[in-house]
């Protein structure tokens, strides 16, 4: 937990201890949630936001995630073109 708190604090994550506790003790995907929130806040368009979600990782926080459908199949690309 200490290593995770240190990594989160180094990345300027607010409430690093609470995030680490939720991740480790409570079994929540707290680090991935924080990573997504931070990256989506910097997105300048819907396409940027989709790319963040599809990227599936934030190396600075050491977080990974997947976008899946209701059957658990991973969605790896989306066509955002409007016809």
PDB file of N, CA and C in Angstrom:
ATOM      1  N   UNK A   1       0.837  -1.187   0.000  1.00  0.00           N
ATOM      2  CA  UNK A   1       0.000   0.000   0.000  1.00  0.00           C
ATOM      3  C   UNK A   1       0.882   1.251   0.000  1.00  0.00           C
ATOM      4  N   UNK A   2       1.982   1.191   0.731  1.00  0.00           N
ATOM      5  CA  UNK A   2       2.873   2.352   0.797  1.00  0.00           C
ATOM      6  C   UNK A   2       3.415   2.725  -0.577  1.00  0.00           C
ATOM      7  N   UNK A   3       3.790   1.722  -1.354  1.00  0.00           N
ATOM      8  CA  UNK A   3       4.314   1.989  -2.704  1.00  0.00           C
ATOM      9  C   UNK A   3       3.249   2.633  -3.579  1.00  0.00           C
ATOM     10  N   UNK A   4       2.022   2.169  -3.456  1.00  0.00           N
ATOM     11  CA  UNK A   4       0.927   2.742  -4.239  1.00  0.00           C
ATOM     12  C   UNK A   4       0.666   4.186  -3.823  1.00  0.00           C
ATOM     13  N   UNK A   5       0.641   4.438  -2.527  1.00  0.00           N
ATOM     14  CA  UNK A   5       0.426   5.806  -2.033  1.00  0.00           C
ATOM     15  C   UNK A   5       1.534   6.712  -2.559  1.00  0.00           C
ATOM     16  N   UNK A   6       2.772   6.241  -2.502  1.00  0.00           N
ATOM     17  CA  UNK A   6       3.904   7.046  -2.989  1.00  0.00           C
ATOM     18  C   UNK A   6       3.757   7.359  -4.479  1.00  0.00           C
ATOM     19  N   UNK A   7       3.378   6.347  -5.281  1.00  0.00           N
ATOM     20  CA  UNK A   7       3.179   6.553  -6.719  1.00  0.00           C
ATOM     21  C   UNK A   7       2.057   7.552  -6.974  1.00  0.00           C
ATOM     22  N   UNK A   8       0.960   7.444  -6.240  1.00  0.00           N
ATOM     23  CA  UNK A   8      -0.169   8.357  -6.404  1.00  0.00           C
ATOM     24  C   UNK A   8       0.215   9.780  -5.979  1.00  0.00           C
ATOM     25  N   UNK A   9       0.922   9.903  -4.871  1.00  0.00           N
ATOM     26  CA  UNK A   9       1.354  11.222  -4.425  1.00  0.00           C
ATOM     27  C   UNK A   9       2.323  11.849  -5.426  1.00  0.00           C
ATOM     28  N   UNK A  10       3.211  11.055  -5.997  1.00  0.00           N
ATOM     29  CA  UNK A  10       4.149  11.555  -7.008  1.00  0.00           C
ATOM     30  C   UNK A  10       3.426  12.092  -8.233  1.00  0.00           C
ATOM     31  N   UNK A  11       2.263  11.529  -8.519  1.00  0.00           N
ATOM     32  CA  UNK A  11       1.457  11.960  -9.659  1.00  0.00           C
ATOM     33  C   UNK A  11       0.453  13.050  -9.262  1.00  0.00           C
ATOM     34  N   UNK A  12       0.583  13.572  -8.050  1.00  0.00           N
ATOM     35  CA  UNK A  12      -0.278  14.647  -7.544  1.00  0.00           C
ATOM     36  C   UNK A  12      -1.754  14.258  -7.481  1.00  0.00           C
ATOM     37  N   UNK A  13      -2.016  13.007  -7.091  1.00  0.00           N
ATOM     38  CA  UNK A  13      -3.397  12.547  -6.922  1.00  0.00           C
ATOM     39  C   UNK A  13      -3.895  13.002  -5.558  1.00  0.00           C
ATOM     40  N   UNK A  14      -5.006  13.718  -5.552  1.00  0.00           N
ATOM     41  CA  UNK A  14      -5.615  14.120  -4.284  1.00  0.00           C
ATOM     42  C   UNK A  14      -6.082  12.881  -3.536  1.00  0.00           C
ATOM     43  N   UNK A  15      -5.983  12.918  -2.231  1.00  0.00           N
ATOM     44  CA  UNK A  15      -6.452  11.814  -1.381  1.00  0.00           C
ATOM     45  C   UNK A  15      -5.808  10.485  -1.762  1.00  0.00           C
ATOM     46  N   UNK A  16      -4.494  10.499  -1.967  1.00  0.00           N
ATOM     47  CA  UNK A  16      -3.776   9.298  -2.395  1.00  0.00           C
ATOM     48  C   UNK A  16      -4.007   8.130  -1.445  1.00  0.00           C
ATOM     49  N   UNK A  17      -4.026   8.384  -0.150  1.00  0.00           N
ATOM     50  CA  UNK A  17      -4.247   7.303   0.814  1.00  0.00           C
ATOM     51  C   UNK A  17      -5.636   6.709   0.685  1.00  0.00           C
ATOM     52  N   UNK A  18      -6.634   7.544   0.477  1.00  0.00           N
ATOM     53  CA  UNK A  18      -8.007   7.050   0.308  1.00  0.00           C
ATOM     54  C   UNK A  18      -8.140   6.214  -0.964  1.00  0.00           C
ATOM     55  N   UNK A  19      -7.484   6.664  -2.023  1.00  0.00           N
ATOM     56  CA  UNK A  19      -7.528   5.919  -3.285  1.00  0.00           C
ATOM     57  C   UNK A  19      -6.845   4.565  -3.103  1.00  0.00           C
ATOM     58  N   UNK A  20      -5.680   4.555  -2.481  1.00  0.00           N
ATOM     59  CA  UNK A  20      -4.955   3.297  -2.260  1.00  0.00           C
ATOM     60  C   UNK A  20      -5.759   2.352  -1.371  1.00  0.00           C
ATOM     61  N   UNK A  21      -6.382   2.877  -0.344  1.00  0.00           N
ATOM     62  CA  UNK A  21      -7.195   2.045   0.556  1.00  0.00           C
ATOM     63  C   UNK A  21      -8.378   1.440  -0.203  1.00  0.00           C
ATOM     64  N   UNK A  22      -9.040   2.247  -1.028  1.00  0.00           N
ATOM     65  CA  UNK A  22     -10.163   1.737  -1.811  1.00  0.00           C
ATOM     66  C   UNK A  22      -9.701   0.661  -2.775  1.00  0.00           C
ATOM     67  N   UNK A  23      -8.534   0.844  -3.366  1.00  0.00           N
ATOM     68  CA  UNK A  23      -7.986  -0.131  -4.315  1.00  0.00           C
ATOM     69  C   UNK A  23      -7.631  -1.446  -3.621  1.00  0.00           C
ATOM     70  N   UNK A  24      -6.894  -1.353  -2.525  1.00  0.00           N
ATOM     71  CA  UNK A  24      -6.345  -2.552  -1.889  1.00  0.00           C
ATOM     72  C   UNK A  24      -7.313  -3.168  -0.881  1.00  0.00           C
ATOM     73  N   UNK A  25      -7.772  -2.380   0.054  1.00  0.00           N
ATOM     74  CA  UNK A  25      -8.606  -2.932   1.124  1.00  0.00           C
ATOM     75  C   UNK A  25     -10.036  -3.209   0.679  1.00  0.00           C
ATOM     76  N   UNK A  26     -10.571  -2.321  -0.163  1.00  0.00           N
ATOM     77  CA  UNK A  26     -11.968  -2.462  -0.562  1.00  0.00           C
ATOM     78  C   UNK A  26     -12.155  -3.180  -1.894  1.00  0.00           C
ATOM     79  N   UNK A  27     -11.058  -3.428  -2.611  1.00  0.00           N
ATOM     80  CA  UNK A  27     -11.144  -4.143  -3.884  1.00  0.00           C
ATOM     81  C   UNK A  27     -11.811  -3.362  -4.999  1.00  0.00           C
ATOM     82  N   UNK A  28     -11.820  -2.043  -4.895  1.00  0.00           N
ATOM     83  CA  UNK A  28     -12.428  -1.205  -5.929  1.00  0.00           C
ATOM     84  C   UNK A  28     -11.381  -0.871  -7.005  1.00  0.00           C
ATOM     85  N   UNK A  29     -11.813  -0.580  -8.224  1.00  0.00           N
ATOM     86  CA  UNK A  29     -10.878  -0.156  -9.269  1.00  0.00           C
ATOM     87  C   UNK A  29     -10.573   1.346  -9.134  1.00  0.00           C
ATOM     88  N   UNK A  30     -10.128   1.750  -7.967  1.00  0.00           N
ATOM     89  CA  UNK A  30      -9.968   3.167  -7.645  1.00  0.00           C
ATOM     90  C   UNK A  30      -8.872   3.838  -8.463  1.00  0.00           C
ATOM     91  N   UNK A  31      -7.760   3.162  -8.682  1.00  0.00           N
ATOM     92  CA  UNK A  31      -6.667   3.767  -9.439  1.00  0.00           C
ATOM     93  C   UNK A  31      -7.085   3.959 -10.899  1.00  0.00           C
ATOM     94  N   UNK A  32      -7.728   2.973 -11.472  1.00  0.00           N
ATOM     95  CA  UNK A  32      -8.213   3.107 -12.850  1.00  0.00           C
ATOM     96  C   UNK A  32      -9.246   4.221 -12.943  1.00  0.00           C
ATOM     97  N   UNK A  33     -10.118   4.330 -11.953  1.00  0.00           N
ATOM     98  CA  UNK A  33     -11.128   5.394 -11.940  1.00  0.00           C
ATOM     99  C   UNK A  33     -10.471   6.763 -11.922  1.00  0.00           C
ATOM    100  N   UNK A  34      -9.492   6.936 -11.047  1.00  0.00           N
ATOM    101  CA  UNK A  34      -8.790   8.218 -10.960  1.00  0.00           C
ATOM    102  C   UNK A  34      -8.052   8.513 -12.260  1.00  0.00           C
ATOM    103  N   UNK A  35      -7.409   7.500 -12.816  1.00  0.00           N
ATOM    104  CA  UNK A  35      -6.682   7.684 -14.081  1.00  0.00           C
ATOM    105  C   UNK A  35      -7.635   8.122 -15.191  1.00  0.00           C
ATOM    106  N   UNK A  36      -8.771   7.451 -15.294  1.00  0.00           N
ATOM    107  CA  UNK A  36      -9.765   7.828 -16.304  1.00  0.00           C
ATOM    108  C   UNK A  36     -10.286   9.243 -16.073  1.00  0.00           C
ATOM    109  N   UNK A  37     -10.613   9.567 -14.849  1.00  0.00           N
ATOM    110  CA  UNK A  37     -11.121  10.905 -14.546  1.00  0.00           C
ATOM    111  C   UNK A  37     -10.111  11.982 -14.948  1.00  0.00           C
ATOM    112  N   UNK A  38      -8.850  11.765 -14.599  1.00  0.00           N
ATOM    113  CA  UNK A  38      -7.817  12.763 -14.928  1.00  0.00           C
ATOM    114  C   UNK A  38      -7.611  12.894 -16.432  1.00  0.00           C
ATOM    115  N   UNK A  39      -7.543  11.767 -17.119  1.00  0.00           N
ATOM    116  CA  UNK A  39      -7.303  11.808 -18.565  1.00  0.00           C
ATOM    117  C   UNK A  39      -8.508  12.362 -19.312  1.00  0.00           C
ATOM    118  N   UNK A  40      -9.714  12.000 -18.880  1.00  0.00           N
ATOM    119  CA  UNK A  40     -10.916  12.525 -19.535  1.00  0.00           C
ATOM    120  C   UNK A  40     -11.072  14.022 -19.298  1.00  0.00           C
ATOM    121  N   UNK A  41     -10.639  14.514 -18.148  1.00  0.00           N
ATOM    122  CA  UNK A  41     -10.718  15.946 -17.867  1.00  0.00           C
ATOM    123  C   UNK A  41      -9.835  16.744 -18.827  1.00  0.00           C
ATOM    124  N   UNK A  42      -8.796  16.120 -19.358  1.00  0.00           N
ATOM    125  CA  UNK A  42      -7.898  16.804 -20.300  1.00  0.00           C
ATOM    126  C   UNK A  42      -8.319  16.632 -21.756  1.00  0.00           C
ATOM    127  N   UNK A  43      -9.301  15.774 -22.008  1.00  0.00           N
ATOM    128  CA  UNK A  43      -9.758  15.540 -23.384  1.00  0.00           C
ATOM    129  C   UNK A  43     -10.384  16.805 -23.942  1.00  0.00           C
ATOM    130  N   UNK A  44     -10.055  17.117 -25.175  1.00  0.00           N
ATOM    131  CA  UNK A  44     -10.547  18.338 -25.801  1.00  0.00           C
ATOM    132  C   UNK A  44     -11.750  18.087 -26.719  1.00  0.00           C
ATOM    133  N   UNK A  45     -12.071  16.834 -26.968  1.00  0.00           N
ATOM    134  CA  UNK A  45     -13.191  16.504 -27.846  1.00  0.00           C
ATOM    135  C   UNK A  45     -13.730  15.134 -27.472  1.00  0.00           C
ATOM    136  N   UNK A  46     -14.869  14.812 -28.045  1.00  0.00           N
ATOM    137  CA  UNK A  46     -15.439  13.479 -27.829  1.00  0.00           C
ATOM    138  C   UNK A  46     -14.495  12.408 -28.354  1.00  0.00           C
ATOM    139  N   UNK A  47     -13.850  12.675 -29.490  1.00  0.00           N
ATOM    140  CA  UNK A  47     -12.912  11.706 -30.055  1.00  0.00           C
ATOM    141  C   UNK A  47     -11.733  11.485 -29.110  1.00  0.00           C
ATOM    142  N   UNK A  48     -11.232  12.549 -28.493  1.00  0.00           N
ATOM    143  CA  UNK A  48     -10.158  12.410 -27.506  1.00  0.00           C
ATOM    144  C   UNK A  48     -10.620  11.545 -26.341  1.00  0.00           C
ATOM    145  N   UNK A  49     -11.847  11.772 -25.871  1.00  0.00           N
ATOM    146  CA  UNK A  49     -12.377  11.010 -24.745  1.00  0.00           C
ATOM    147  C   UNK A  49     -12.496   9.528 -25.098  1.00  0.00           C
ATOM    148  N   UNK A  50     -12.964   9.240 -26.296  1.00  0.00           N
ATOM    149  CA  UNK A  50     -13.076   7.851 -26.733  1.00  0.00           C
ATOM    150  C   UNK A  50     -11.695   7.212 -26.797  1.00  0.00           C
ATOM    151  N   UNK A  51     -10.718   7.950 -27.315  1.00  0.00           N
ATOM    152  CA  UNK A  51      -9.358   7.415 -27.389  1.00  0.00           C
ATOM    153  C   UNK A  51      -8.782   7.134 -26.012  1.00  0.00           C
ATOM    154  N   UNK A  52      -9.108   7.975 -25.028  1.00  0.00           N
ATOM    155  CA  UNK A  52      -8.673   7.734 -23.652  1.00  0.00           C
ATOM    156  C   UNK A  52      -9.247   6.417 -23.162  1.00  0.00           C
ATOM    157  N   UNK A  53     -10.541   6.229 -23.377  1.00  0.00           N
ATOM    158  CA  UNK A  53     -11.179   5.001 -22.897  1.00  0.00           C
ATOM    159  C   UNK A  53     -10.623   3.764 -23.598  1.00  0.00           C
ATOM    160  N   UNK A  54     -10.379   3.877 -24.896  1.00  0.00           N
ATOM    161  CA  UNK A  54      -9.863   2.732 -25.646  1.00  0.00           C
ATOM    162  C   UNK A  54      -8.388   2.455 -25.366  1.00  0.00           C
ATOM    163  N   UNK A  55      -7.643   3.476 -24.944  1.00  0.00           N
ATOM    164  CA  UNK A  55      -6.208   3.292 -24.665  1.00  0.00           C
ATOM    165  C   UNK A  55      -5.998   2.226 -23.601  1.00  0.00           C
ATOM    166  N   UNK A  56      -6.849   2.214 -22.607  1.00  0.00           N
ATOM    167  CA  UNK A  56      -6.821   1.150 -21.613  1.00  0.00           C
ATOM    168  C   UNK A  56      -5.682   1.194 -20.631  1.00  0.00           C
ATOM    169  N   UNK A  57      -4.982   2.330 -20.541  1.00  0.00           N
ATOM    170  CA  UNK A  57      -3.884   2.368 -19.587  1.00  0.00           C
ATOM    171  C   UNK A  57      -3.453   3.795 -19.288  1.00  0.00           C
ATOM    172  N   UNK A  58      -2.870   3.944 -18.117  1.00  0.00           N
ATOM    173  CA  UNK A  58      -2.226   5.185 -17.709  1.00  0.00           C
ATOM    174  C   UNK A  58      -0.934   4.758 -17.028  1.00  0.00           C
ATOM    175  N   UNK A  59       0.172   4.917 -17.726  1.00  0.00           N
ATOM    176  CA  UNK A  59       1.452   4.442 -17.217  1.00  0.00           C
ATOM    177  C   UNK A  59       1.909   5.198 -15.977  1.00  0.00           C
ATOM    178  N   UNK A  60       1.603   6.482 -15.896  1.00  0.00           N
ATOM    179  CA  UNK A  60       2.025   7.273 -14.735  1.00  0.00           C
ATOM    180  C   UNK A  60       1.435   6.718 -13.442  1.00  0.00           C
ATOM    181  N   UNK A  61       0.168   6.333 -13.481  1.00  0.00           N
ATOM    182  CA  UNK A  61      -0.489   5.792 -12.292  1.00  0.00           C
ATOM    183  C   UNK A  61      -0.413   4.273 -12.221  1.00  0.00           C
ATOM    184  N   UNK A  62       0.040   3.640 -13.287  1.00  0.00           N
ATOM    185  CA  UNK A  62       0.097   2.187 -13.308  1.00  0.00           C
ATOM    186  C   UNK A  62      -1.282   1.560 -13.379  1.00  0.00           C
ATOM    187  N   UNK A  63      -2.196   2.231 -14.058  1.00  0.00           N
ATOM    188  CA  UNK A  63      -3.585   1.760 -14.138  1.00  0.00           C
ATOM    189  C   UNK A  63      -3.866   1.176 -15.510  1.00  0.00           C
ATOM    190  N   UNK A  64      -4.729   0.166 -15.511  1.00  0.00           N
ATOM    191  CA  UNK A  64      -5.205  -0.435 -16.764  1.00  0.00           C
ATOM    192  C   UNK A  64      -6.701  -0.654 -16.645  1.00  0.00           C
ATOM    193  N   UNK A  65      -7.378  -0.597 -17.786  1.00  0.00           N
ATOM    194  CA  UNK A  65      -8.817  -0.845 -17.829  1.00  0.00           C
ATOM    195  C   UNK A  65      -9.180  -1.352 -19.215  1.00  0.00           C
ATOM    196  N   UNK A  66     -10.417  -1.842 -19.336  1.00  0.00           N
ATOM    197  CA  UNK A  66     -10.923  -2.310 -20.631  1.00  0.00           C
ATOM    198  C   UNK A  66     -12.340  -1.809 -20.810  1.00  0.00           C
ATOM    199  N   UNK A  67     -12.675  -1.512 -22.047  1.00  0.00           N
ATOM    200  CA  UNK A  67     -14.038  -1.160 -22.417  1.00  0.00           C
ATOM    201  C   UNK A  67     -14.658  -2.443 -22.971  1.00  0.00           C
ATOM    202  N   UNK A  68     -15.724  -2.927 -22.334  1.00  0.00           N
ATOM    203  CA  UNK A  68     -16.322  -4.197 -22.750  1.00  0.00           C
ATOM    204  C   UNK A  68     -17.825  -4.041 -22.956  1.00  0.00           C
ATOM    205  N   UNK A  69     -18.379  -4.986 -23.723  1.00  0.00           N
ATOM    206  CA  UNK A  69     -19.830  -5.000 -23.898  1.00  0.00           C
ATOM    207  C   UNK A  69     -20.455  -5.858 -22.799  1.00  0.00           C
ATOM    208  N   UNK A  70     -21.757  -6.014 -22.850  1.00  0.00           N
ATOM    209  CA  UNK A  70     -22.472  -6.773 -21.833  1.00  0.00           C
ATOM    210  C   UNK A  70     -22.130  -8.249 -21.785  1.00  0.00           C
ATOM    211  N   UNK A  71     -21.477  -8.748 -22.826  1.00  0.00           N
ATOM    212  CA  UNK A  71     -21.061 -10.156 -22.874  1.00  0.00           C
ATOM    213  C   UNK A  71     -19.606 -10.321 -22.442  1.00  0.00           C
ATOM    214  N   UNK A  72     -18.955  -9.211 -22.059  1.00  0.00           N
ATOM    215  CA  UNK A  72     -17.570  -9.274 -21.614  1.00  0.00           C
ATOM    216  C   UNK A  72     -16.545  -9.223 -22.738  1.00  0.00           C
ATOM    217  N   UNK A  73     -17.007  -8.931 -23.966  1.00  0.00           N
ATOM    218  CA  UNK A  73     -16.082  -8.840 -25.107  1.00  0.00           C
ATOM    219  C   UNK A  73     -15.483  -7.447 -25.165  1.00  0.00           C
ATOM    220  N   UNK A  74     -14.164  -7.394 -25.351  1.00  0.00           N
ATOM    221  CA  UNK A  74     -13.473  -6.111 -25.377  1.00  0.00           C
ATOM    222  C   UNK A  74     -13.760  -5.338 -26.657  1.00  0.00           C
ATOM    223  N   UNK A  75     -14.046  -4.048 -26.495  1.00  0.00           N
ATOM    224  CA  UNK A  75     -14.229  -3.139 -27.629  1.00  0.00           C
ATOM    225  C   UNK A  75     -12.888  -2.453 -27.833  1.00  0.00           C
ATOM    226  N   UNK A  76     -12.276  -2.673 -28.990  1.00  0.00           N
ATOM    227  CA  UNK A  76     -10.930  -2.168 -29.232  1.00  0.00           C
ATOM    228  C   UNK A  76     -10.881  -0.968 -30.159  1.00  0.00           C
ATOM    229  N   UNK A  77     -11.958  -0.713 -30.898  1.00  0.00           N
ATOM    230  CA  UNK A  77     -11.977   0.467 -31.759  1.00  0.00           C
ATOM    231  C   UNK A  77     -13.417   0.903 -31.989  1.00  0.00           C
ATOM    232  N   UNK A  78     -13.553   2.179 -32.270  1.00  0.00           N
ATOM    233  CA  UNK A  78     -14.849   2.765 -32.587  1.00  0.00           C
ATOM    234  C   UNK A  78     -14.685   3.666 -33.792  1.00  0.00           C
ATOM    235  N   UNK A  79     -15.645   3.671 -34.693  1.00  0.00           N
ATOM    236  CA  UNK A  79     -15.646   4.535 -35.858  1.00  0.00           C
ATOM    237  C   UNK A  79     -16.515   5.734 -35.521  1.00  0.00           C
ATOM    238  N   UNK A  80     -15.908   6.903 -35.358  1.00  0.00           N
ATOM    239  CA  UNK A  80     -16.649   8.096 -34.974  1.00  0.00           C
ATOM    240  C   UNK A  80     -17.076   8.954 -36.162  1.00  0.00           C
ATOM    241  N   UNK A  81     -16.881   8.444 -37.355  1.00  0.00           N
ATOM    242  CA  UNK A  81     -17.294   9.210 -38.545  1.00  0.00           C
ATOM    243  C   UNK A  81     -18.798   9.340 -38.573  1.00  0.00           C
ATOM    244  N   UNK A  82     -19.260  10.489 -38.998  1.00  0.00           N
ATOM    245  CA  UNK A  82     -20.699  10.723 -39.161  1.00  0.00           C
ATOM    246  C   UNK A  82     -21.003  10.651 -40.647  1.00  0.00           C
ATOM    247  N   UNK A  83     -21.962   9.828 -41.041  1.00  0.00           N
ATOM    248  CA  UNK A  83     -22.349   9.706 -42.455  1.00  0.00           C
ATOM    249  C   UNK A  83     -23.403  10.718 -42.809  1.00  0.00           C
TER     250      UNK A  83
END
